[in-house]
Full PDB file with SEQRES, HELIX, SHEET, SSBOND, CRYST1, ORIGX, SCALE, CONECT and MASTER records, all heavy atoms in Angstrom:
SEQRES   1 A   31  VAL ASP PHE VAL VAL LEU ALA ARG TYR MET GLN ILE LEU          
SEQRES   2 A   31  THR ALA GLU THR CYS ALA ALA LEU PRO GLY ARG ILE ILE          
SEQRES   3 A   31  ASN ILE HIS HIS SER                                          
HELIX    1 AA1 ALA A   15  ALA A   20  1                                   6    
SHEET    1 AA1 2 VAL A   4  LEU A   6  0                                        
SHEET    2 AA1 2 ILE A  25  ASN A  27  1                                        
CRYST1    1.000    1.000    1.000  90.00  90.00  90.00 P 1           1          
ORIGX1      1.000000  0.000000  0.000000        0.00000                         
ORIGX2      0.000000  1.000000  0.000000        0.00000                         
ORIGX3      0.000000  0.000000  1.000000        0.00000                         
SCALE1      1.000000  0.000000  0.000000        0.00000                         
SCALE2      0.000000  1.000000  0.000000        0.00000                         
SCALE3      0.000000  0.000000  1.000000        0.00000                         
ATOM      1  N   VAL A   1     -15.932   3.169 -12.911  1.00  0.00           N  
ATOM      2  CA  VAL A   1     -16.981   3.640 -13.816  1.00  0.00           C  
ATOM      3  C   VAL A   1     -18.272   3.896 -13.046  1.00  0.00           C  
ATOM      4  O   VAL A   1     -18.715   3.066 -12.245  1.00  0.00           O  
ATOM      5  CB  VAL A   1     -17.222   2.607 -14.939  1.00  0.00           C  
ATOM      6  CG1 VAL A   1     -18.485   2.931 -15.729  1.00  0.00           C  
ATOM      7  CG2 VAL A   1     -16.005   2.546 -15.853  1.00  0.00           C  
ATOM      8  N   ASP A   2     -18.873   5.056 -13.297  1.00  0.00           N  
ATOM      9  CA  ASP A   2     -20.131   5.412 -12.638  1.00  0.00           C  
ATOM     10  C   ASP A   2     -21.344   4.820 -13.343  1.00  0.00           C  
ATOM     11  O   ASP A   2     -22.282   4.370 -12.691  1.00  0.00           O  
ATOM     12  CB  ASP A   2     -20.264   6.936 -12.562  1.00  0.00           C  
ATOM     13  CG  ASP A   2     -19.220   7.556 -11.657  1.00  0.00           C  
ATOM     14  OD1 ASP A   2     -19.346   7.391 -10.430  1.00  0.00           O  
ATOM     15  OD2 ASP A   2     -18.273   8.181 -12.167  1.00  0.00           O  
ATOM     16  N   PHE A   3     -21.342   4.844 -14.670  1.00  0.00           N  
ATOM     17  CA  PHE A   3     -22.427   4.194 -15.394  1.00  0.00           C  
ATOM     18  C   PHE A   3     -21.981   3.816 -16.804  1.00  0.00           C  
ATOM     19  O   PHE A   3     -20.956   4.287 -17.299  1.00  0.00           O  
ATOM     20  CB  PHE A   3     -23.708   5.037 -15.418  1.00  0.00           C  
ATOM     21  CG  PHE A   3     -23.612   6.370 -16.103  1.00  0.00           C  
ATOM     22  CD1 PHE A   3     -23.957   6.525 -17.442  1.00  0.00           C  
ATOM     23  CD2 PHE A   3     -23.228   7.505 -15.395  1.00  0.00           C  
ATOM     24  CE1 PHE A   3     -23.904   7.757 -18.063  1.00  0.00           C  
ATOM     25  CE2 PHE A   3     -23.172   8.753 -16.008  1.00  0.00           C  
ATOM     26  CZ  PHE A   3     -23.511   8.876 -17.352  1.00  0.00           C  
ATOM     27  N   VAL A   4     -22.764   2.923 -17.414  1.00  0.00           N  
ATOM     28  CA  VAL A   4     -22.462   2.352 -18.723  1.00  0.00           C  
ATOM     29  C   VAL A   4     -23.504   2.829 -19.722  1.00  0.00           C  
ATOM     30  O   VAL A   4     -24.695   2.910 -19.402  1.00  0.00           O  
ATOM     31  CB  VAL A   4     -22.456   0.808 -18.656  1.00  0.00           C  
ATOM     32  CG1 VAL A   4     -22.277   0.196 -20.039  1.00  0.00           C  
ATOM     33  CG2 VAL A   4     -21.369   0.325 -17.697  1.00  0.00           C  
ATOM     34  N   VAL A   5     -23.058   3.134 -20.936  1.00  0.00           N  
ATOM     35  CA  VAL A   5     -23.965   3.562 -22.000  1.00  0.00           C  
ATOM     36  C   VAL A   5     -23.870   2.584 -23.159  1.00  0.00           C  
ATOM     37  O   VAL A   5     -22.772   2.318 -23.669  1.00  0.00           O  
ATOM     38  CB  VAL A   5     -23.630   4.982 -22.498  1.00  0.00           C  
ATOM     39  CG1 VAL A   5     -24.560   5.371 -23.647  1.00  0.00           C  
ATOM     40  CG2 VAL A   5     -23.736   5.988 -21.368  1.00  0.00           C  
ATOM     41  N   LEU A   6     -25.004   2.039 -23.572  1.00  0.00           N  
ATOM     42  CA  LEU A   6     -25.061   1.183 -24.751  1.00  0.00           C  
ATOM     43  C   LEU A   6     -25.431   2.062 -25.938  1.00  0.00           C  
ATOM     44  O   LEU A   6     -26.589   2.421 -26.127  1.00  0.00           O  
ATOM     45  CB  LEU A   6     -26.091   0.062 -24.566  1.00  0.00           C  
ATOM     46  CG  LEU A   6     -25.957  -0.792 -23.296  1.00  0.00           C  
ATOM     47  CD1 LEU A   6     -26.959  -1.941 -23.327  1.00  0.00           C  
ATOM     48  CD2 LEU A   6     -24.540  -1.322 -23.125  1.00  0.00           C  
ATOM     49  N   ALA A   7     -24.424   2.425 -26.736  1.00  0.00           N  
ATOM     50  CA  ALA A   7     -24.625   3.330 -27.868  1.00  0.00           C  
ATOM     51  C   ALA A   7     -24.842   2.512 -29.133  1.00  0.00           C  
ATOM     52  O   ALA A   7     -23.958   2.398 -29.978  1.00  0.00           O  
ATOM     53  CB  ALA A   7     -23.426   4.266 -28.016  1.00  0.00           C  
ATOM     54  N   ARG A   8     -26.009   1.885 -29.223  1.00  0.00           N  
ATOM     55  CA  ARG A   8     -26.336   0.938 -30.285  1.00  0.00           C  
ATOM     56  C   ARG A   8     -25.449  -0.296 -30.187  1.00  0.00           C  
ATOM     57  O   ARG A   8     -24.825  -0.721 -31.151  1.00  0.00           O  
ATOM     58  CB  ARG A   8     -26.238   1.588 -31.665  1.00  0.00           C  
ATOM     59  CG  ARG A   8     -27.277   2.648 -31.955  1.00  0.00           C  
ATOM     60  CD  ARG A   8     -28.715   2.152 -31.799  1.00  0.00           C  
ATOM     61  NE  ARG A   8     -28.977   0.988 -32.643  1.00  0.00           N  
ATOM     62  CZ  ARG A   8     -29.394   1.067 -33.905  1.00  0.00           C  
ATOM     63  NH1 ARG A   8     -29.555   2.233 -34.467  1.00  0.00           N  
ATOM     64  NH2 ARG A   8     -29.654  -0.023 -34.594  1.00  0.00           N  
ATOM     65  N   TYR A   9     -25.412  -0.863 -28.986  1.00  0.00           N  
ATOM     66  CA  TYR A   9     -24.729  -2.131 -28.748  1.00  0.00           C  
ATOM     67  C   TYR A   9     -25.734  -3.232 -29.026  1.00  0.00           C  
ATOM     68  O   TYR A   9     -26.728  -3.379 -28.291  1.00  0.00           O  
ATOM     69  CB  TYR A   9     -24.227  -2.192 -27.312  1.00  0.00           C  
ATOM     70  CG  TYR A   9     -23.459  -3.452 -26.972  1.00  0.00           C  
ATOM     71  CD1 TYR A   9     -22.258  -3.746 -27.601  1.00  0.00           C  
ATOM     72  CD2 TYR A   9     -23.934  -4.334 -26.008  1.00  0.00           C  
ATOM     73  CE1 TYR A   9     -21.544  -4.893 -27.288  1.00  0.00           C  
ATOM     74  CE2 TYR A   9     -23.235  -5.483 -25.678  1.00  0.00           C  
ATOM     75  CZ  TYR A   9     -22.036  -5.751 -26.325  1.00  0.00           C  
ATOM     76  OH  TYR A   9     -21.335  -6.894 -26.006  1.00  0.00           O  
ATOM     77  N   MET A  10     -25.517  -3.993 -30.082  1.00  0.00           N  
ATOM     78  CA  MET A  10     -26.526  -4.925 -30.576  1.00  0.00           C  
ATOM     79  C   MET A  10     -26.386  -6.319 -29.965  1.00  0.00           C  
ATOM     80  O   MET A  10     -26.408  -7.336 -30.658  1.00  0.00           O  
ATOM     81  CB  MET A  10     -26.454  -5.000 -32.106  1.00  0.00           C  
ATOM     82  CG  MET A  10     -26.464  -3.641 -32.789  1.00  0.00           C  
ATOM     83  SD  MET A  10     -27.879  -2.599 -32.304  1.00  0.00           S  
ATOM     84  CE  MET A  10     -29.195  -3.465 -33.144  1.00  0.00           C  
ATOM     85  N   GLN A  11     -26.234  -6.334 -28.649  1.00  0.00           N  
ATOM     86  CA  GLN A  11     -26.194  -7.583 -27.903  1.00  0.00           C  
ATOM     87  C   GLN A  11     -27.100  -7.431 -26.688  1.00  0.00           C  
ATOM     88  O   GLN A  11     -27.207  -6.337 -26.109  1.00  0.00           O  
ATOM     89  CB  GLN A  11     -24.777  -7.910 -27.434  1.00  0.00           C  
ATOM     90  CG  GLN A  11     -23.806  -8.246 -28.551  1.00  0.00           C  
ATOM     91  CD  GLN A  11     -24.022  -9.650 -29.083  1.00  0.00           C  
ATOM     92  OE1 GLN A  11     -24.372 -10.570 -28.348  1.00  0.00           O  
ATOM     93  NE2 GLN A  11     -23.809  -9.828 -30.377  1.00  0.00           N  
ATOM     94  N   ILE A  12     -27.750  -8.509 -26.312  1.00  0.00           N  
ATOM     95  CA  ILE A  12     -28.585  -8.497 -25.111  1.00  0.00           C  
ATOM     96  C   ILE A  12     -27.719  -8.859 -23.917  1.00  0.00           C  
ATOM     97  O   ILE A  12     -27.091  -9.924 -23.894  1.00  0.00           O  
ATOM     98  CB  ILE A  12     -29.748  -9.500 -25.249  1.00  0.00           C  
ATOM     99  CG1 ILE A  12     -30.624  -9.123 -26.450  1.00  0.00           C  
ATOM    100  CG2 ILE A  12     -30.578  -9.531 -23.967  1.00  0.00           C  
ATOM    101  CD1 ILE A  12     -31.687 -10.155 -26.758  1.00  0.00           C  
ATOM    102  N   LEU A  13     -27.656  -7.987 -22.941  1.00  0.00           N  
ATOM    103  CA  LEU A  13     -26.845  -8.252 -21.753  1.00  0.00           C  
ATOM    104  C   LEU A  13     -27.471  -9.352 -20.909  1.00  0.00           C  
ATOM    105  O   LEU A  13     -28.693  -9.489 -20.836  1.00  0.00           O  
ATOM    106  CB  LEU A  13     -26.700  -6.986 -20.916  1.00  0.00           C  
ATOM    107  CG  LEU A  13     -25.980  -5.803 -21.567  1.00  0.00           C  
ATOM    108  CD1 LEU A  13     -25.871  -4.645 -20.586  1.00  0.00           C  
ATOM    109  CD2 LEU A  13     -24.600  -6.203 -22.075  1.00  0.00           C  
ATOM    110  N   THR A  14     -26.626 -10.134 -20.253  1.00  0.00           N  
ATOM    111  CA  THR A  14     -27.120 -11.207 -19.390  1.00  0.00           C  
ATOM    112  C   THR A  14     -27.803 -10.633 -18.155  1.00  0.00           C  
ATOM    113  O   THR A  14     -27.568  -9.491 -17.758  1.00  0.00           O  
ATOM    114  CB  THR A  14     -25.966 -12.115 -18.950  1.00  0.00           C  
ATOM    115  OG1 THR A  14     -25.037 -11.342 -18.165  1.00  0.00           O  
ATOM    116  CG2 THR A  14     -25.249 -12.714 -20.142  1.00  0.00           C  
ATOM    117  N   ALA A  15     -28.643 -11.449 -17.553  1.00  0.00           N  
ATOM    118  CA  ALA A  15     -29.340 -11.031 -16.336  1.00  0.00           C  
ATOM    119  C   ALA A  15     -28.350 -10.725 -15.219  1.00  0.00           C  
ATOM    120  O   ALA A  15     -28.580  -9.829 -14.398  1.00  0.00           O  
ATOM    121  CB  ALA A  15     -30.317 -12.129 -15.894  1.00  0.00           C  
ATOM    122  N   GLU A  16     -27.232 -11.447 -15.206  1.00  0.00           N  
ATOM    123  CA  GLU A  16     -26.221 -11.222 -14.172  1.00  0.00           C  
ATOM    124  C   GLU A  16     -25.600  -9.831 -14.292  1.00  0.00           C  
ATOM    125  O   GLU A  16     -25.389  -9.136 -13.287  1.00  0.00           O  
ATOM    126  CB  GLU A  16     -25.135 -12.287 -14.269  1.00  0.00           C  
ATOM    127  CG  GLU A  16     -25.570 -13.693 -13.874  1.00  0.00           C  
ATOM    128  CD  GLU A  16     -26.429 -14.377 -14.929  1.00  0.00           C  
ATOM    129  OE1 GLU A  16     -26.450 -13.901 -16.085  1.00  0.00           O  
ATOM    130  OE2 GLU A  16     -27.093 -15.371 -14.589  1.00  0.00           O  
ATOM    131  N   THR A  17     -25.321  -9.406 -15.519  1.00  0.00           N  
ATOM    132  CA  THR A  17     -24.746  -8.080 -15.715  1.00  0.00           C  
ATOM    133  C   THR A  17     -25.755  -6.995 -15.370  1.00  0.00           C  
ATOM    134  O   THR A  17     -25.414  -5.992 -14.735  1.00  0.00           O  
ATOM    135  CB  THR A  17     -24.285  -7.914 -17.176  1.00  0.00           C  
ATOM    136  OG1 THR A  17     -23.246  -8.872 -17.435  1.00  0.00           O  
ATOM    137  CG2 THR A  17     -23.756  -6.518 -17.441  1.00  0.00           C  
ATOM    138  N   CYS A  18     -27.005  -7.181 -15.765  1.00  0.00           N  
ATOM    139  CA  CYS A  18     -28.050  -6.216 -15.424  1.00  0.00           C  
ATOM    140  C   CYS A  18     -28.194  -6.077 -13.911  1.00  0.00           C  
ATOM    141  O   CYS A  18     -28.340  -4.968 -13.385  1.00  0.00           O  
ATOM    142  CB  CYS A  18     -29.382  -6.638 -16.040  1.00  0.00           C  
ATOM    143  SG  CYS A  18     -29.402  -6.657 -17.844  1.00  0.00           S  
ATOM    144  N   ALA A  19     -28.144  -7.217 -13.216  1.00  0.00           N  
ATOM    145  CA  ALA A  19     -28.299  -7.192 -11.758  1.00  0.00           C  
ATOM    146  C   ALA A  19     -27.107  -6.538 -11.079  1.00  0.00           C  
ATOM    147  O   ALA A  19     -27.242  -5.956  -9.997  1.00  0.00           O  
ATOM    148  CB  ALA A  19     -28.489  -8.616 -11.237  1.00  0.00           C  
ATOM    149  N   ALA A  20     -25.930  -6.624 -11.712  1.00  0.00           N  
ATOM    150  CA  ALA A  20     -24.727  -6.052 -11.104  1.00  0.00           C  
ATOM    151  C   ALA A  20     -24.707  -4.531 -11.173  1.00  0.00           C  
ATOM    152  O   ALA A  20     -24.037  -3.887 -10.359  1.00  0.00           O  
ATOM    153  CB  ALA A  20     -23.487  -6.621 -11.791  1.00  0.00           C  
ATOM    154  N   LEU A  21     -25.451  -3.952 -12.133  1.00  0.00           N  
ATOM    155  CA  LEU A  21     -25.417  -2.501 -12.324  1.00  0.00           C  
ATOM    156  C   LEU A  21     -26.834  -1.929 -12.430  1.00  0.00           C  
ATOM    157  O   LEU A  21     -27.197  -1.287 -13.423  1.00  0.00           O  
ATOM    158  CB  LEU A  21     -24.621  -2.157 -13.591  1.00  0.00           C  
ATOM    159  CG  LEU A  21     -23.162  -2.610 -13.631  1.00  0.00           C  
ATOM    160  CD1 LEU A  21     -22.582  -2.421 -15.028  1.00  0.00           C  
ATOM    161  CD2 LEU A  21     -22.342  -1.840 -12.593  1.00  0.00           C  
ATOM    162  N   PRO A  22     -27.656  -2.098 -11.400  1.00  0.00           N  
ATOM    163  CA  PRO A  22     -29.034  -1.580 -11.484  1.00  0.00           C  
ATOM    164  C   PRO A  22     -29.051  -0.052 -11.547  1.00  0.00           C  
ATOM    165  O   PRO A  22     -28.380   0.626 -10.778  1.00  0.00           O  
ATOM    166  CB  PRO A  22     -29.661  -2.095 -10.184  1.00  0.00           C  
ATOM    167  CG  PRO A  22     -28.507  -2.252  -9.233  1.00  0.00           C  
ATOM    168  CD  PRO A  22     -27.349  -2.701 -10.096  1.00  0.00           C  
ATOM    169  N   GLY A  23     -29.801   0.477 -12.499  1.00  0.00           N  
ATOM    170  CA  GLY A  23     -29.881   1.921 -12.651  1.00  0.00           C  
ATOM    171  C   GLY A  23     -28.594   2.565 -13.119  1.00  0.00           C  
ATOM    172  O   GLY A  23     -28.424   3.782 -13.028  1.00  0.00           O  
ATOM    173  N   ARG A  24     -27.677   1.744 -13.681  1.00  0.00           N  
ATOM    174  CA  ARG A  24     -26.377   2.263 -14.106  1.00  0.00           C  
ATOM    175  C   ARG A  24     -26.048   1.880 -15.547  1.00  0.00           C  
ATOM    176  O   ARG A  24     -24.929   2.077 -15.994  1.00  0.00           O  
ATOM    177  CB  ARG A  24     -25.282   1.775 -13.165  1.00  0.00           C  
ATOM    178  CG  ARG A  24     -25.390   2.324 -11.745  1.00  0.00           C  
ATOM    179  CD  ARG A  24     -24.370   1.668 -10.825  1.00  0.00           C  
ATOM    180  NE  ARG A  24     -23.003   1.888 -11.288  1.00  0.00           N  
ATOM    181  CZ  ARG A  24     -21.948   1.210 -10.815  1.00  0.00           C  
ATOM    182  NH1 ARG A  24     -22.129   0.250  -9.907  1.00  0.00           N  
ATOM    183  NH2 ARG A  24     -20.725   1.477 -11.270  1.00  0.00           N  
ATOM    184  N   ILE A  25     -27.016   1.335 -16.274  1.00  0.00           N  
ATOM    185  CA  ILE A  25     -26.813   1.015 -17.687  1.00  0.00           C  
ATOM    186  C   ILE A  25     -27.928   1.695 -18.481  1.00  0.00           C  
ATOM    187  O   ILE A  25     -29.116   1.431 -18.254  1.00  0.00           O  
ATOM    188  CB  ILE A  25     -26.840  -0.490 -17.966  1.00  0.00           C  
ATOM    189  CG1 ILE A  25     -25.886  -1.251 -17.040  1.00  0.00           C  
ATOM    190  CG2 ILE A  25     -26.475  -0.757 -19.425  1.00  0.00           C  
ATOM    191  CD1 ILE A  25     -25.959  -2.761 -17.202  1.00  0.00           C  
ATOM    192  N   ILE A  26     -27.545   2.552 -19.417  1.00  0.00           N  
ATOM    193  CA  ILE A  26     -28.509   3.263 -20.251  1.00  0.00           C  
ATOM    194  C   ILE A  26     -28.444   2.712 -21.666  1.00  0.00           C  
ATOM    195  O   ILE A  26     -27.365   2.565 -22.240  1.00  0.00           O  
ATOM    196  CB  ILE A  26     -28.220   4.773 -20.268  1.00  0.00           C  
ATOM    197  CG1 ILE A  26     -28.373   5.362 -18.852  1.00  0.00           C  
ATOM    198  CG2 ILE A  26     -29.136   5.498 -21.241  1.00  0.00           C  
ATOM    199  CD1 ILE A  26     -27.962   6.817 -18.753  1.00  0.00           C  
ATOM    200  N   ASN A  27     -29.606   2.434 -22.242  1.00  0.00           N  
ATOM    201  CA  ASN A  27     -29.671   1.909 -23.603  1.00  0.00           C  
ATOM    202  C   ASN A  27     -30.514   2.836 -24.466  1.00  0.00           C  
ATOM    203  O   ASN A  27     -31.414   3.522 -23.964  1.00  0.00           O  
ATOM    204  CB  ASN A  27     -30.289   0.505 -23.604  1.00  0.00           C  
ATOM    205  CG  ASN A  27     -30.184  -0.170 -24.958  1.00  0.00           C  
ATOM    206  OD1 ASN A  27     -29.293   0.120 -25.748  1.00  0.00           O  
ATOM    207  ND2 ASN A  27     -31.105  -1.083 -25.237  1.00  0.00           N  
ATOM    208  N   ILE A  28     -30.211   2.861 -25.747  1.00  0.00           N  
ATOM    209  CA  ILE A  28     -31.030   3.587 -26.709  1.00  0.00           C  
ATOM    210  C   ILE A  28     -31.786   2.573 -27.542  1.00  0.00           C  
ATOM    211  O   ILE A  28     -31.173   1.657 -28.123  1.00  0.00           O  
ATOM    212  CB  ILE A  28     -30.171   4.516 -27.595  1.00  0.00           C  
ATOM    213  CG1 ILE A  28     -31.030   5.195 -28.663  1.00  0.00           C  
ATOM    214  CG2 ILE A  28     -29.019   3.772 -28.250  1.00  0.00           C  
ATOM    215  CD1 ILE A  28     -32.014   6.179 -28.113  1.00  0.00           C  
ATOM    216  N   HIS A  29     -33.091   2.686 -27.574  1.00  0.00           N  
ATOM    217  CA  HIS A  29     -33.890   1.763 -28.381  1.00  0.00           C  
ATOM    218  C   HIS A  29     -34.371   2.508 -29.610  1.00  0.00           C  
ATOM    219  O   HIS A  29     -34.976   3.574 -29.512  1.00  0.00           O  
ATOM    220  CB  HIS A  29     -35.085   1.215 -27.607  1.00  0.00           C  
ATOM    221  CG  HIS A  29     -35.811   0.137 -28.349  1.00  0.00           C  
ATOM    222  ND1 HIS A  29     -35.396  -1.163 -28.347  1.00  0.00           N  
ATOM    223  CD2 HIS A  29     -36.891   0.192 -29.161  1.00  0.00           C  
ATOM    224  CE1 HIS A  29     -36.207  -1.883 -29.110  1.00  0.00           C  
ATOM    225  NE2 HIS A  29     -37.119  -1.087 -29.615  1.00  0.00           N  
ATOM    226  N   HIS A  30     -34.096   1.940 -30.767  1.00  0.00           N  
ATOM    227  CA  HIS A  30     -34.352   2.624 -32.022  1.00  0.00           C  
ATOM    228  C   HIS A  30     -35.805   2.534 -32.460  1.00  0.00           C  
ATOM    229  O   HIS A  30     -36.115   2.181 -33.595  1.00  0.00           O  
ATOM    230  CB  HIS A  30     -33.432   2.076 -33.118  1.00  0.00           C  
ATOM    231  CG  HIS A  30     -33.324   0.577 -33.093  1.00  0.00           C  
ATOM    232  ND1 HIS A  30     -32.115  -0.059 -32.992  1.00  0.00           N  
ATOM    233  CD2 HIS A  30     -34.247  -0.397 -33.120  1.00  0.00           C  
ATOM    234  CE1 HIS A  30     -32.299  -1.370 -32.984  1.00  0.00           C  
ATOM    235  NE2 HIS A  30     -33.587  -1.592 -33.077  1.00  0.00           N  
ATOM    236  N   SER A  31     -36.712   2.804 -31.557  1.00  0.00           N  
ATOM    237  CA  SER A  31     -38.114   3.023 -31.885  1.00  0.00           C  
ATOM    238  C   SER A  31     -38.768   3.619 -30.652  1.00  0.00           C  
ATOM    239  O   SER A  31     -38.132   3.810 -29.622  1.00  0.00           O  
ATOM    240  CB  SER A  31     -38.828   1.723 -32.302  1.00  0.00           C  
ATOM    241  OG  SER A  31     -39.019   0.872 -31.188  1.00  0.00           O  
TER     242      SER A  31                                                      
MASTER        0    0    0    1    2    0    0    6  241    1    0    3          
END                                                                             
């Protein structure tokens, strides 16, 4: 996988997961 998309995934990812994929996780914030 090249990158991950959170398409209204209503969970907060752990710091470990964020650190594992820097610049490779896109989130949509509903505001």
